[in-house]
């Protein structure tokens, strides 16, 4: 990530969950993939997955990392968010992703990791 960090904020309202980036509404990026019609957090599901996709697309400025990393961001960060409001920075997202250990579930992936290839 380069440049100044962005501030991401979420809040629950009677009309659903709203998420902003630097005070502007976060694009849900339904053009990339639609997991859910809206955002959510605090569990592993379709609403948090849509939020993860949107956060990563905005944070990285690229589509592919968002598609590849959305499930990881849900598990590493979004399912742990509690309450009606939250605030995150770009550094918080990077820290969560860096601290989340992904273990390959197939034999080839495990062997590559052991060999230091992945």
PDB file of N, CA and C in Angstrom:
ATOM      1  N   UNK A   1       0.845  -1.175   0.000  1.00  0.00           N
ATOM      2  CA  UNK A   1       0.000   0.000   0.000  1.00  0.00           C
ATOM      3  C   UNK A   1       0.885   1.231   0.000  1.00  0.00           C
ATOM      4  N   UNK A   2       0.510   2.229  -0.772  1.00  0.00           N
ATOM      5  CA  UNK A   2       1.254   3.478  -0.818  1.00  0.00           C
ATOM      6  C   UNK A   2       0.313   4.637  -0.560  1.00  0.00           C
ATOM      7  N   UNK A   3       0.910   5.784  -0.237  1.00  0.00           N
ATOM      8  CA  UNK A   3       0.089   6.965  -0.004  1.00  0.00           C
ATOM      9  C   UNK A   3      -0.491   6.983   1.394  1.00  0.00           C
ATOM     10  N   UNK A   4      -1.279   8.028   1.672  1.00  0.00           N
ATOM     11  CA  UNK A   4      -1.866   8.154   3.007  1.00  0.00           C
ATOM     12  C   UNK A   4      -2.891   7.047   3.267  1.00  0.00           C
ATOM     13  N   UNK A   5      -2.971   6.661   4.515  1.00  0.00           N
ATOM     14  CA  UNK A   5      -3.926   5.610   4.864  1.00  0.00           C
ATOM     15  C   UNK A   5      -5.343   6.152   4.836  1.00  0.00           C
ATOM     16  N   UNK A   6      -6.259   5.268   4.556  1.00  0.00           N
ATOM     17  CA  UNK A   6      -7.667   5.632   4.508  1.00  0.00           C
ATOM     18  C   UNK A   6      -8.349   5.165   5.781  1.00  0.00           C
ATOM     19  N   UNK A   7      -9.450   5.826   6.100  1.00  0.00           N
ATOM     20  CA  UNK A   7     -10.232   5.456   7.274  1.00  0.00           C
ATOM     21  C   UNK A   7     -11.539   4.830   6.806  1.00  0.00           C
ATOM     22  N   UNK A   8     -11.761   3.603   7.221  1.00  0.00           N
ATOM     23  CA  UNK A   8     -12.974   2.860   6.907  1.00  0.00           C
ATOM     24  C   UNK A   8     -13.826   2.814   8.169  1.00  0.00           C
ATOM     25  N   UNK A   9     -15.113   3.150   8.036  1.00  0.00           N
ATOM     26  CA  UNK A   9     -16.006   3.139   9.188  1.00  0.00           C
ATOM     27  C   UNK A   9     -17.319   2.455   8.834  1.00  0.00           C
ATOM     28  N   UNK A  10     -17.825   1.673   9.766  1.00  0.00           N
ATOM     29  CA  UNK A  10     -19.092   0.997   9.568  1.00  0.00           C
ATOM     30  C   UNK A  10     -20.041   1.278  10.710  1.00  0.00           C
ATOM     31  N   UNK A  11     -21.326   1.297  10.374  1.00  0.00           N
ATOM     32  CA  UNK A  11     -22.344   1.460  11.415  1.00  0.00           C
ATOM     33  C   UNK A  11     -23.632   0.789  10.949  1.00  0.00           C
ATOM     34  N   UNK A  12     -24.332   0.243  11.929  1.00  0.00           N
ATOM     35  CA  UNK A  12     -25.638  -0.346  11.647  1.00  0.00           C
ATOM     36  C   UNK A  12     -26.700   0.729  11.802  1.00  0.00           C
ATOM     37  N   UNK A  13     -27.635   0.753  10.860  1.00  0.00           N
ATOM     38  CA  UNK A  13     -28.736   1.706  10.896  1.00  0.00           C
ATOM     39  C   UNK A  13     -30.042   0.914  10.771  1.00  0.00           C
ATOM     40  N   UNK A  14     -31.179   1.543  10.985  1.00  0.00           N
ATOM     41  CA  UNK A  14     -32.447   0.837  10.779  1.00  0.00           C
ATOM     42  C   UNK A  14     -32.624   0.337   9.336  1.00  0.00           C
ATOM     43  N   UNK A  15     -31.904   0.966   8.398  1.00  0.00           N
ATOM     44  CA  UNK A  15     -32.010   0.580   6.994  1.00  0.00           C
ATOM     45  C   UNK A  15     -30.927  -0.404   6.550  1.00  0.00           C
ATOM     46  N   UNK A  16     -30.055  -0.828   7.454  1.00  0.00           N
ATOM     47  CA  UNK A  16     -28.978  -1.753   7.098  1.00  0.00           C
ATOM     48  C   UNK A  16     -27.630  -1.198   7.493  1.00  0.00           C
ATOM     49  N   UNK A  17     -26.606  -1.899   7.111  1.00  0.00           N
ATOM     50  CA  UNK A  17     -25.239  -1.505   7.461  1.00  0.00           C
ATOM     51  C   UNK A  17     -24.682  -0.542   6.430  1.00  0.00           C
ATOM     52  N   UNK A  18     -24.086   0.536   6.928  1.00  0.00           N
ATOM     53  CA  UNK A  18     -23.442   1.529   6.077  1.00  0.00           C
ATOM     54  C   UNK A  18     -21.953   1.513   6.346  1.00  0.00           C
ATOM     55  N   UNK A  19     -21.173   1.567   5.277  1.00  0.00           N
ATOM     56  CA  UNK A  19     -19.718   1.603   5.403  1.00  0.00           C
ATOM     57  C   UNK A  19     -19.197   2.736   4.535  1.00  0.00           C
ATOM     58  N   UNK A  20     -18.277   3.504   5.106  1.00  0.00           N
ATOM     59  CA  UNK A  20     -17.683   4.624   4.380  1.00  0.00           C
ATOM     60  C   UNK A  20     -16.166   4.479   4.344  1.00  0.00           C
ATOM     61  N   UNK A  21     -15.575   5.148   3.362  1.00  0.00           N
ATOM     62  CA  UNK A  21     -14.126   5.288   3.274  1.00  0.00           C
ATOM     63  C   UNK A  21     -13.846   6.778   3.200  1.00  0.00           C
ATOM     64  N   UNK A  22     -13.145   7.287   4.185  1.00  0.00           N
ATOM     65  CA  UNK A  22     -12.870   8.719   4.295  1.00  0.00           C
ATOM     66  C   UNK A  22     -14.152   9.540   4.164  1.00  0.00           C
ATOM     67  N   UNK A  23     -15.236   9.041   4.758  1.00  0.00           N
ATOM     68  CA  UNK A  23     -16.496   9.763   4.794  1.00  0.00           C
ATOM     69  C   UNK A  23     -17.412   9.559   3.596  1.00  0.00           C
ATOM     70  N   UNK A  24     -16.936   8.863   2.573  1.00  0.00           N
ATOM     71  CA  UNK A  24     -17.752   8.598   1.379  1.00  0.00           C
ATOM     72  C   UNK A  24     -18.257   7.155   1.411  1.00  0.00           C
ATOM     73  N   UNK A  25     -19.441   6.875   0.859  1.00  0.00           N
ATOM     74  CA  UNK A  25     -19.946   5.500   0.846  1.00  0.00           C
ATOM     75  C   UNK A  25     -18.981   4.556   0.127  1.00  0.00           C
ATOM     76  N   UNK A  26     -18.741   3.402   0.727  1.00  0.00           N
ATOM     77  CA  UNK A  26     -17.880   2.377   0.122  1.00  0.00           C
ATOM     78  C   UNK A  26     -18.654   1.664  -0.976  1.00  0.00           C
ATOM     79  N   UNK A  27     -18.075   1.594  -2.160  1.00  0.00           N
ATOM     80  CA  UNK A  27     -18.670   0.889  -3.289  1.00  0.00           C
ATOM     81  C   UNK A  27     -18.700  -0.612  -2.956  1.00  0.00           C
ATOM     82  N   UNK A  28     -19.861  -1.264  -2.990  1.00  0.00           N
ATOM     83  CA  UNK A  28     -19.935  -2.688  -2.634  1.00  0.00           C
ATOM     84  C   UNK A  28     -19.298  -3.614  -3.668  1.00  0.00           C
ATOM     85  N   UNK A  29     -18.948  -3.094  -4.811  1.00  0.00           N
ATOM     86  CA  UNK A  29     -18.285  -3.831  -5.891  1.00  0.00           C
ATOM     87  C   UNK A  29     -19.062  -5.063  -6.341  1.00  0.00           C
ATOM     88  N   UNK A  30     -20.356  -4.876  -6.490  1.00  0.00           N
ATOM     89  CA  UNK A  30     -21.215  -5.938  -7.000  1.00  0.00           C
ATOM     90  C   UNK A  30     -20.830  -6.332  -8.422  1.00  0.00           C
ATOM     91  N   UNK A  31     -20.098  -5.451  -9.106  1.00  0.00           N
ATOM     92  CA  UNK A  31     -19.620  -5.765 -10.451  1.00  0.00           C
ATOM     93  C   UNK A  31     -18.561  -6.869 -10.432  1.00  0.00           C
ATOM     94  N   UNK A  32     -17.842  -7.008  -9.313  1.00  0.00           N
ATOM     95  CA  UNK A  32     -16.847  -8.076  -9.189  1.00  0.00           C
ATOM     96  C   UNK A  32     -17.504  -9.407  -8.832  1.00  0.00           C
ATOM     97  N   UNK A  33     -18.346  -9.358  -7.813  1.00  0.00           N
ATOM     98  CA  UNK A  33     -19.075 -10.550  -7.380  1.00  0.00           C
ATOM     99  C   UNK A  33     -20.136 -10.118  -6.367  1.00  0.00           C
ATOM    100  N   UNK A  34     -21.288 -10.752  -6.437  1.00  0.00           N
ATOM    101  CA  UNK A  34     -22.335 -10.442  -5.465  1.00  0.00           C
ATOM    102  C   UNK A  34     -22.519 -11.629  -4.535  1.00  0.00           C
ATOM    103  N   UNK A  35     -21.953 -11.492  -3.337  1.00  0.00           N
ATOM    104  CA  UNK A  35     -22.166 -12.485  -2.282  1.00  0.00           C
ATOM    105  C   UNK A  35     -23.463 -12.185  -1.544  1.00  0.00           C
ATOM    106  N   UNK A  36     -23.743 -10.881  -1.385  1.00  0.00           N
ATOM    107  CA  UNK A  36     -24.925 -10.424  -0.642  1.00  0.00           C
ATOM    108  C   UNK A  36     -25.331  -9.067  -1.186  1.00  0.00           C
ATOM    109  N   UNK A  37     -26.546  -8.649  -0.873  1.00  0.00           N
ATOM    110  CA  UNK A  37     -27.037  -7.352  -1.326  1.00  0.00           C
ATOM    111  C   UNK A  37     -26.497  -6.207  -0.476  1.00  0.00           C
ATOM    112  N   UNK A  38     -25.977  -6.506   0.712  1.00  0.00           N
ATOM    113  CA  UNK A  38     -25.473  -5.463   1.594  1.00  0.00           C
ATOM    114  C   UNK A  38     -24.319  -5.961   2.438  1.00  0.00           C
ATOM    115  N   UNK A  39     -23.794  -5.054   3.250  1.00  0.00           N
ATOM    116  CA  UNK A  39     -22.654  -5.356   4.111  1.00  0.00           C
ATOM    117  C   UNK A  39     -23.117  -5.869   5.470  1.00  0.00           C
ATOM    118  N   UNK A  40     -22.251  -6.623   6.115  1.00  0.00           N
ATOM    119  CA  UNK A  40     -22.426  -7.076   7.500  1.00  0.00           C
ATOM    120  C   UNK A  40     -21.061  -7.362   8.070  1.00  0.00           C
ATOM    121  N   UNK A  41     -20.996  -7.622   9.375  1.00  0.00           N
ATOM    122  CA  UNK A  41     -19.757  -7.997  10.057  1.00  0.00           C
ATOM    123  C   UNK A  41     -20.110  -8.743  11.326  1.00  0.00           C
ATOM    124  N   UNK A  42     -19.091  -9.340  11.943  1.00  0.00           N
ATOM    125  CA  UNK A  42     -19.281 -10.025  13.212  1.00  0.00           C
ATOM    126  C   UNK A  42     -19.481 -11.529  13.096  1.00  0.00           C
ATOM    127  N   UNK A  43     -19.441 -12.067  11.897  1.00  0.00           N
ATOM    128  CA  UNK A  43     -19.582 -13.507  11.669  1.00  0.00           C
ATOM    129  C   UNK A  43     -19.020 -13.825  10.286  1.00  0.00           C
ATOM    130  N   UNK A  44     -18.928 -15.083   9.949  1.00  0.00           N
ATOM    131  CA  UNK A  44     -18.453 -15.507   8.637  1.00  0.00           C
ATOM    132  C   UNK A  44     -19.667 -15.844   7.785  1.00  0.00           C
ATOM    133  N   UNK A  45     -19.988 -14.994   6.838  1.00  0.00           N
ATOM    134  CA  UNK A  45     -21.149 -15.208   5.990  1.00  0.00           C
ATOM    135  C   UNK A  45     -21.091 -14.329   4.757  1.00  0.00           C
ATOM    136  N   UNK A  46     -22.199 -14.271   4.032  1.00  0.00           N
ATOM    137  CA  UNK A  46     -22.207 -13.555   2.762  1.00  0.00           C
ATOM    138  C   UNK A  46     -22.105 -12.032   2.909  1.00  0.00           C
ATOM    139  N   UNK A  47     -22.744 -11.453   3.914  1.00  0.00           N
ATOM    140  CA  UNK A  47     -22.637 -10.009   4.140  1.00  0.00           C
ATOM    141  C   UNK A  47     -21.215  -9.574   4.464  1.00  0.00           C
ATOM    142  N   UNK A  48     -20.542 -10.264   5.405  1.00  0.00           N
ATOM    143  CA  UNK A  48     -19.142  -9.947   5.656  1.00  0.00           C
ATOM    144  C   UNK A  48     -18.245 -10.200   4.445  1.00  0.00           C
ATOM    145  N   UNK A  49     -18.568 -11.207   3.654  1.00  0.00           N
ATOM    146  CA  UNK A  49     -17.763 -11.496   2.459  1.00  0.00           C
ATOM    147  C   UNK A  49     -17.893 -10.361   1.447  1.00  0.00           C
ATOM    148  N   UNK A  50     -19.099  -9.795   1.296  1.00  0.00           N
ATOM    149  CA  UNK A  50     -19.269  -8.659   0.393  1.00  0.00           C
ATOM    150  C   UNK A  50     -18.484  -7.458   0.902  1.00  0.00           C
ATOM    151  N   UNK A  51     -18.501  -7.247   2.212  1.00  0.00           N
ATOM    152  CA  UNK A  51     -17.740  -6.158   2.810  1.00  0.00           C
ATOM    153  C   UNK A  51     -16.245  -6.353   2.589  1.00  0.00           C
ATOM    154  N   UNK A  52     -15.760  -7.557   2.784  1.00  0.00           N
ATOM    155  CA  UNK A  52     -14.338  -7.847   2.579  1.00  0.00           C
ATOM    156  C   UNK A  52     -13.927  -7.560   1.139  1.00  0.00           C
ATOM    157  N   UNK A  53     -14.737  -7.992   0.200  1.00  0.00           N
ATOM    158  CA  UNK A  53     -14.457  -7.746  -1.214  1.00  0.00           C
ATOM    159  C   UNK A  53     -14.362  -6.249  -1.487  1.00  0.00           C
ATOM    160  N   UNK A  54     -15.332  -5.491  -0.987  1.00  0.00           N
ATOM    161  CA  UNK A  54     -15.350  -4.040  -1.205  1.00  0.00           C
ATOM    162  C   UNK A  54     -14.171  -3.351  -0.529  1.00  0.00           C
ATOM    163  N   UNK A  55     -13.861  -3.745   0.711  1.00  0.00           N
ATOM    164  CA  UNK A  55     -12.728  -3.144   1.424  1.00  0.00           C
ATOM    165  C   UNK A  55     -11.418  -3.407   0.695  1.00  0.00           C
ATOM    166  N   UNK A  56     -11.205  -4.643   0.268  1.00  0.00           N
ATOM    167  CA  UNK A  56      -9.947  -4.979  -0.390  1.00  0.00           C
ATOM    168  C   UNK A  56      -9.821  -4.314  -1.760  1.00  0.00           C
ATOM    169  N   UNK A  57     -10.925  -4.235  -2.500  1.00  0.00           N
ATOM    170  CA  UNK A  57     -10.871  -3.557  -3.799  1.00  0.00           C
ATOM    171  C   UNK A  57     -10.518  -2.083  -3.622  1.00  0.00           C
ATOM    172  N   UNK A  58     -11.099  -1.456  -2.625  1.00  0.00           N
ATOM    173  CA  UNK A  58     -10.798  -0.046  -2.344  1.00  0.00           C
ATOM    174  C   UNK A  58      -9.380   0.114  -1.818  1.00  0.00           C
ATOM    175  N   UNK A  59      -9.000  -0.747  -0.899  1.00  0.00           N
ATOM    176  CA  UNK A  59      -7.692  -0.649  -0.255  1.00  0.00           C
ATOM    177  C   UNK A  59      -6.549  -0.861  -1.250  1.00  0.00           C
ATOM    178  N   UNK A  60      -6.654  -1.894  -2.064  1.00  0.00           N
ATOM    179  CA  UNK A  60      -5.583  -2.220  -3.019  1.00  0.00           C
ATOM    180  C   UNK A  60      -5.712  -1.464  -4.337  1.00  0.00           C
ATOM    181  N   UNK A  61      -6.929  -1.016  -4.649  1.00  0.00           N
ATOM    182  CA  UNK A  61      -7.133  -0.356  -5.932  1.00  0.00           C
ATOM    183  C   UNK A  61      -7.090  -1.322  -7.099  1.00  0.00           C
ATOM    184  N   UNK A  62      -7.207  -2.606  -6.810  1.00  0.00           N
ATOM    185  CA  UNK A  62      -7.157  -3.650  -7.844  1.00  0.00           C
ATOM    186  C   UNK A  62      -8.232  -4.686  -7.546  1.00  0.00           C
ATOM    187  N   UNK A  63      -8.732  -5.308  -8.604  1.00  0.00           N
ATOM    188  CA  UNK A  63      -9.802  -6.284  -8.444  1.00  0.00           C
ATOM    189  C   UNK A  63      -9.307  -7.658  -8.004  1.00  0.00           C
ATOM    190  N   UNK A  64      -8.223  -8.139  -8.579  1.00  0.00           N
ATOM    191  CA  UNK A  64      -7.780  -9.514  -8.322  1.00  0.00           C
ATOM    192  C   UNK A  64      -7.447  -9.779  -6.850  1.00  0.00           C
ATOM    193  N   UNK A  65      -6.687  -8.892  -6.170  1.00  0.00           N
ATOM    194  CA  UNK A  65      -6.439  -9.149  -4.744  1.00  0.00           C
ATOM    195  C   UNK A  65      -7.722  -9.181  -3.920  1.00  0.00           C
ATOM    196  N   UNK A  66      -8.710  -8.397  -4.337  1.00  0.00           N
ATOM    197  CA  UNK A  66      -9.983  -8.375  -3.607  1.00  0.00           C
ATOM    198  C   UNK A  66     -10.698  -9.708  -3.752  1.00  0.00           C
ATOM    199  N   UNK A  67     -10.736 -10.227  -4.952  1.00  0.00           N
ATOM    200  CA  UNK A  67     -11.397 -11.515  -5.190  1.00  0.00           C
ATOM    201  C   UNK A  67     -10.661 -12.641  -4.470  1.00  0.00           C
ATOM    202  N   UNK A  68      -9.341 -12.614  -4.527  1.00  0.00           N
ATOM    203  CA  UNK A  68      -8.546 -13.687  -3.930  1.00  0.00           C
ATOM    204  C   UNK A  68      -8.515 -13.631  -2.407  1.00  0.00           C
ATOM    205  N   UNK A  69      -8.613 -12.447  -1.826  1.00  0.00           N
ATOM    206  CA  UNK A  69      -8.413 -12.311  -0.388  1.00  0.00           C
ATOM    207  C   UNK A  69      -9.646 -12.082   0.455  1.00  0.00           C
ATOM    208  N   UNK A  70     -10.819 -12.044  -0.144  1.00  0.00           N
ATOM    209  CA  UNK A  70     -12.003 -11.680   0.630  1.00  0.00           C
ATOM    210  C   UNK A  70     -12.326 -12.686   1.730  1.00  0.00           C
ATOM    211  N   UNK A  71     -12.215 -13.973   1.461  1.00  0.00           N
ATOM    212  CA  UNK A  71     -12.501 -14.976   2.498  1.00  0.00           C
ATOM    213  C   UNK A  71     -11.501 -14.862   3.650  1.00  0.00           C
ATOM    214  N   UNK A  72     -10.258 -14.590   3.311  1.00  0.00           N
ATOM    215  CA  UNK A  72      -9.225 -14.443   4.337  1.00  0.00           C
ATOM    216  C   UNK A  72      -9.499 -13.236   5.221  1.00  0.00           C
ATOM    217  N   UNK A  73      -9.892 -12.115   4.623  1.00  0.00           N
ATOM    218  CA  UNK A  73     -10.156 -10.926   5.427  1.00  0.00           C
ATOM    219  C   UNK A  73     -11.348 -11.127   6.355  1.00  0.00           C
ATOM    220  N   UNK A  74     -12.342 -11.862   5.908  1.00  0.00           N
ATOM    221  CA  UNK A  74     -13.481 -12.161   6.793  1.00  0.00           C
ATOM    222  C   UNK A  74     -12.977 -12.901   8.020  1.00  0.00           C
ATOM    223  N   UNK A  75     -12.210 -13.955   7.814  1.00  0.00           N
ATOM    224  CA  UNK A  75     -11.732 -14.774   8.941  1.00  0.00           C
ATOM    225  C   UNK A  75     -10.702 -14.044   9.791  1.00  0.00           C
ATOM    226  N   UNK A  76      -9.851 -13.255   9.151  1.00  0.00           N
ATOM    227  CA  UNK A  76      -8.774 -12.578   9.876  1.00  0.00           C
ATOM    228  C   UNK A  76      -9.241 -11.353  10.638  1.00  0.00           C
ATOM    229  N   UNK A  77     -10.350 -10.735  10.211  1.00  0.00           N
ATOM    230  CA  UNK A  77     -10.719  -9.458  10.816  1.00  0.00           C
ATOM    231  C   UNK A  77     -12.225  -9.245  10.971  1.00  0.00           C
ATOM    232  N   UNK A  78     -12.975  -9.389   9.908  1.00  0.00           N
ATOM    233  CA  UNK A  78     -14.371  -8.950   9.931  1.00  0.00           C
ATOM    234  C   UNK A  78     -15.271  -9.777  10.834  1.00  0.00           C
ATOM    235  N   UNK A  79     -14.993 -11.080  10.963  1.00  0.00           N
ATOM    236  CA  UNK A  79     -15.853 -11.872  11.841  1.00  0.00           C
ATOM    237  C   UNK A  79     -15.615 -11.549  13.311  1.00  0.00           C
ATOM    238  N   UNK A  80     -14.517 -10.856  13.612  1.00  0.00           N
ATOM    239  CA  UNK A  80     -14.225 -10.494  15.005  1.00  0.00           C
ATOM    240  C   UNK A  80     -14.761  -9.112  15.389  1.00  0.00           C
ATOM    241  N   UNK A  81     -15.208  -8.336  14.401  1.00  0.00           N
ATOM    242  CA  UNK A  81     -15.761  -7.016  14.715  1.00  0.00           C
ATOM    243  C   UNK A  81     -17.076  -7.180  15.461  1.00  0.00           C
ATOM    244  N   UNK A  82     -17.197  -6.463  16.555  1.00  0.00           N
ATOM    245  CA  UNK A  82     -18.412  -6.535  17.363  1.00  0.00           C
ATOM    246  C   UNK A  82     -19.020  -5.147  17.485  1.00  0.00           C
ATOM    247  N   UNK A  83     -20.303  -5.108  17.700  1.00  0.00           N
ATOM    248  CA  UNK A  83     -20.959  -3.840  17.978  1.00  0.00           C
ATOM    249  C   UNK A  83     -21.611  -3.213  16.767  1.00  0.00           C
ATOM    250  N   UNK A  84     -22.175  -2.058  17.032  1.00  0.00           N
ATOM    251  CA  UNK A  84     -22.935  -1.329  16.020  1.00  0.00           C
ATOM    252  C   UNK A  84     -22.064  -0.446  15.144  1.00  0.00           C
ATOM    253  N   UNK A  85     -20.857  -0.101  15.620  1.00  0.00           N
ATOM    254  CA  UNK A  85     -19.953   0.750  14.849  1.00  0.00           C
ATOM    255  C   UNK A  85     -18.535   0.218  14.952  1.00  0.00           C
ATOM    256  N   UNK A  86     -17.717   0.565  13.975  1.00  0.00           N
ATOM    257  CA  UNK A  86     -16.302   0.225  13.988  1.00  0.00           C
ATOM    258  C   UNK A  86     -15.541   1.186  13.079  1.00  0.00           C
ATOM    259  N   UNK A  87     -14.246   1.266  13.300  1.00  0.00           N
ATOM    260  CA  UNK A  87     -13.341   2.050  12.459  1.00  0.00           C
ATOM    261  C   UNK A  87     -12.089   1.231  12.214  1.00  0.00           C
ATOM    262  N   UNK A  88     -11.620   1.244  10.986  1.00  0.00           N
ATOM    263  CA  UNK A  88     -10.386   0.555  10.600  1.00  0.00           C
ATOM    264  C   UNK A  88      -9.572   1.469   9.693  1.00  0.00           C
ATOM    265  N   UNK A  89      -8.280   1.279   9.706  1.00  0.00           N
ATOM    266  CA  UNK A  89      -7.411   1.978   8.766  1.00  0.00           C
ATOM    267  C   UNK A  89      -6.855   0.950   7.777  1.00  0.00           C
ATOM    268  N   UNK A  90      -6.216   1.455   6.751  1.00  0.00           N
ATOM    269  CA  UNK A  90      -5.534   0.567   5.815  1.00  0.00           C
ATOM    270  C   UNK A  90      -4.487  -0.277   6.512  1.00  0.00           C
ATOM    271  N   UNK A  91      -3.809   0.299   7.505  1.00  0.00           N
ATOM    272  CA  UNK A  91      -2.810  -0.460   8.265  1.00  0.00           C
ATOM    273  C   UNK A  91      -3.461  -1.605   9.036  1.00  0.00           C
ATOM    274  N   UNK A  92      -4.664  -1.384   9.567  1.00  0.00           N
ATOM    275  CA  UNK A  92      -5.379  -2.452  10.265  1.00  0.00           C
ATOM    276  C   UNK A  92      -5.659  -3.622   9.326  1.00  0.00           C
ATOM    277  N   UNK A  93      -6.047  -3.311   8.094  1.00  0.00           N
ATOM    278  CA  UNK A  93      -6.316  -4.359   7.110  1.00  0.00           C
ATOM    279  C   UNK A  93      -5.036  -5.114   6.785  1.00  0.00           C
ATOM    280  N   UNK A  94      -3.961  -4.390   6.532  1.00  0.00           N
ATOM    281  CA  UNK A  94      -2.682  -5.043   6.221  1.00  0.00           C
ATOM    282  C   UNK A  94      -2.199  -5.913   7.379  1.00  0.00           C
ATOM    283  N   UNK A  95      -2.312  -5.407   8.587  1.00  0.00           N
ATOM    284  CA  UNK A  95      -1.875  -6.143   9.768  1.00  0.00           C
ATOM    285  C   UNK A  95      -2.684  -7.435   9.930  1.00  0.00           C
ATOM    286  N   UNK A  96      -3.991  -7.356   9.727  1.00  0.00           N
ATOM    287  CA  UNK A  96      -4.846  -8.538   9.857  1.00  0.00           C
ATOM    288  C   UNK A  96      -4.495  -9.585   8.816  1.00  0.00           C
ATOM    289  N   UNK A  97      -4.279  -9.150   7.588  1.00  0.00           N
ATOM    290  CA  UNK A  97      -3.929 -10.102   6.531  1.00  0.00           C
ATOM    291  C   UNK A  97      -2.563 -10.724   6.766  1.00  0.00           C
ATOM    292  N   UNK A  98      -1.598  -9.915   7.211  1.00  0.00           N
ATOM    293  CA  UNK A  98      -0.246 -10.427   7.453  1.00  0.00           C
ATOM    294  C   UNK A  98      -0.220 -11.397   8.633  1.00  0.00           C
ATOM    295  N   UNK A  99      -1.097 -11.172   9.601  1.00  0.00           N
ATOM    296  CA  UNK A  99      -1.099 -12.020  10.786  1.00  0.00           C
ATOM    297  C   UNK A  99      -1.930 -13.273  10.669  1.00  0.00           C
ATOM    298  N   UNK A 100      -2.634 -13.423   9.563  1.00  0.00           N
ATOM    299  CA  UNK A 100      -3.509 -14.579   9.392  1.00  0.00           C
ATOM    300  C   UNK A 100      -2.771 -15.652   8.618  1.00  0.00           C
ATOM    301  N   UNK A 101      -2.541 -16.775   9.240  1.00  0.00           N
ATOM    302  CA  UNK A 101      -1.830 -17.882   8.621  1.00  0.00           C
ATOM    303  C   UNK A 101      -2.793 -18.692   7.773  1.00  0.00           C
ATOM    304  N   UNK A 102      -2.506 -18.763   6.495  1.00  0.00           N
ATOM    305  CA  UNK A 102      -3.299 -19.600   5.611  1.00  0.00           C
ATOM    306  C   UNK A 102      -2.552 -20.904   5.410  1.00  0.00           C
ATOM    307  N   UNK A 103      -3.203 -21.993   5.719  1.00  0.00           N
ATOM    308  CA  UNK A 103      -2.594 -23.303   5.557  1.00  0.00           C
ATOM    309  C   UNK A 103      -3.260 -23.983   4.373  1.00  0.00           C
ATOM    310  N   UNK A 104      -2.480 -24.405   3.367  1.00  0.00           N
ATOM    311  CA  UNK A 104      -3.070 -25.094   2.229  1.00  0.00           C
ATOM    312  C   UNK A 104      -3.757 -26.374   2.682  1.00  0.00           C
ATOM    313  N   UNK A 105      -4.864 -26.679   2.072  1.00  0.00           N
ATOM    314  CA  UNK A 105      -5.605 -27.873   2.458  1.00  0.00           C
ATOM    315  C   UNK A 105      -5.354 -29.050   1.518  1.00  0.00           C
ATOM    316  N   UNK A 106      -4.580 -28.838   0.461  1.00  0.00           N
ATOM    317  CA  UNK A 106      -4.271 -29.949  -0.434  1.00  0.00           C
ATOM    318  C   UNK A 106      -2.817 -30.368  -0.251  1.00  0.00           C
ATOM    319  N   UNK A 107      -2.511 -31.585  -0.612  1.00  0.00           N
ATOM    320  CA  UNK A 107      -1.170 -32.132  -0.406  1.00  0.00           C
ATOM    321  C   UNK A 107      -0.113 -31.349  -1.171  1.00  0.00           C
ATOM    322  N   UNK A 108      -0.395 -30.989  -2.406  1.00  0.00           N
ATOM    323  CA  UNK A 108       0.582 -30.241  -3.202  1.00  0.00           C
ATOM    324  C   UNK A 108       0.905 -28.901  -2.545  1.00  0.00           C
ATOM    325  N   UNK A 109      -0.114 -28.230  -2.029  1.00  0.00           N
ATOM    326  CA  UNK A 109       0.103 -26.951  -1.353  1.00  0.00           C
ATOM    327  C   UNK A 109       0.903 -27.090  -0.075  1.00  0.00           C
ATOM    328  N   UNK A 110       0.612 -28.132   0.689  1.00  0.00           N
ATOM    329  CA  UNK A 110       1.373 -28.381   1.915  1.00  0.00           C
ATOM    330  C   UNK A 110       2.831 -28.687   1.608  1.00  0.00           C
ATOM    331  N   UNK A 111       3.093 -29.523   0.609  1.00  0.00           N
ATOM    332  CA  UNK A 111       4.469 -29.858   0.243  1.00  0.00           C
ATOM    333  C   UNK A 111       5.219 -28.636  -0.263  1.00  0.00           C
ATOM    334  N   UNK A 112       4.558 -27.783  -1.042  1.00  0.00           N
ATOM    335  CA  UNK A 112       5.203 -26.567  -1.538  1.00  0.00           C
ATOM    336  C   UNK A 112       5.572 -25.665  -0.370  1.00  0.00           C
ATOM    337  N   UNK A 113       4.695 -25.554   0.629  1.00  0.00           N
ATOM    338  CA  UNK A 113       4.989 -24.726   1.800  1.00  0.00           C
ATOM    339  C   UNK A 113       6.173 -25.285   2.575  1.00  0.00           C
ATOM    340  N   UNK A 114       6.226 -26.602   2.744  1.00  0.00           N
ATOM    341  CA  UNK A 114       7.333 -27.236   3.457  1.00  0.00           C
ATOM    342  C   UNK A 114       8.651 -26.987   2.728  1.00  0.00           C
ATOM    343  N   UNK A 115       8.615 -27.045   1.408  1.00  0.00           N
ATOM    344  CA  UNK A 115       9.817 -26.818   0.594  1.00  0.00           C
ATOM    345  C   UNK A 115      10.189 -25.346   0.497  1.00  0.00           C
ATOM    346  N   UNK A 116       9.334 -24.465   1.015  1.00  0.00           N
ATOM    347  CA  UNK A 116       9.590 -23.038   0.948  1.00  0.00           C
ATOM    348  C   UNK A 116       9.244 -22.434  -0.403  1.00  0.00           C
ATOM    349  N   UNK A 117       8.396 -23.110  -1.146  1.00  0.00           N
ATOM    350  CA  UNK A 117       8.023 -22.649  -2.483  1.00  0.00           C
ATOM    351  C   UNK A 117       6.741 -21.832  -2.468  1.00  0.00           C
ATOM    352  N   UNK A 118       6.046 -21.779  -1.362  1.00  0.00           N
ATOM    353  CA  UNK A 118       4.770 -21.075  -1.377  1.00  0.00           C
ATOM    354  C   UNK A 118       4.496 -20.287  -0.151  1.00  0.00           C
TER     355      UNK A 118
END
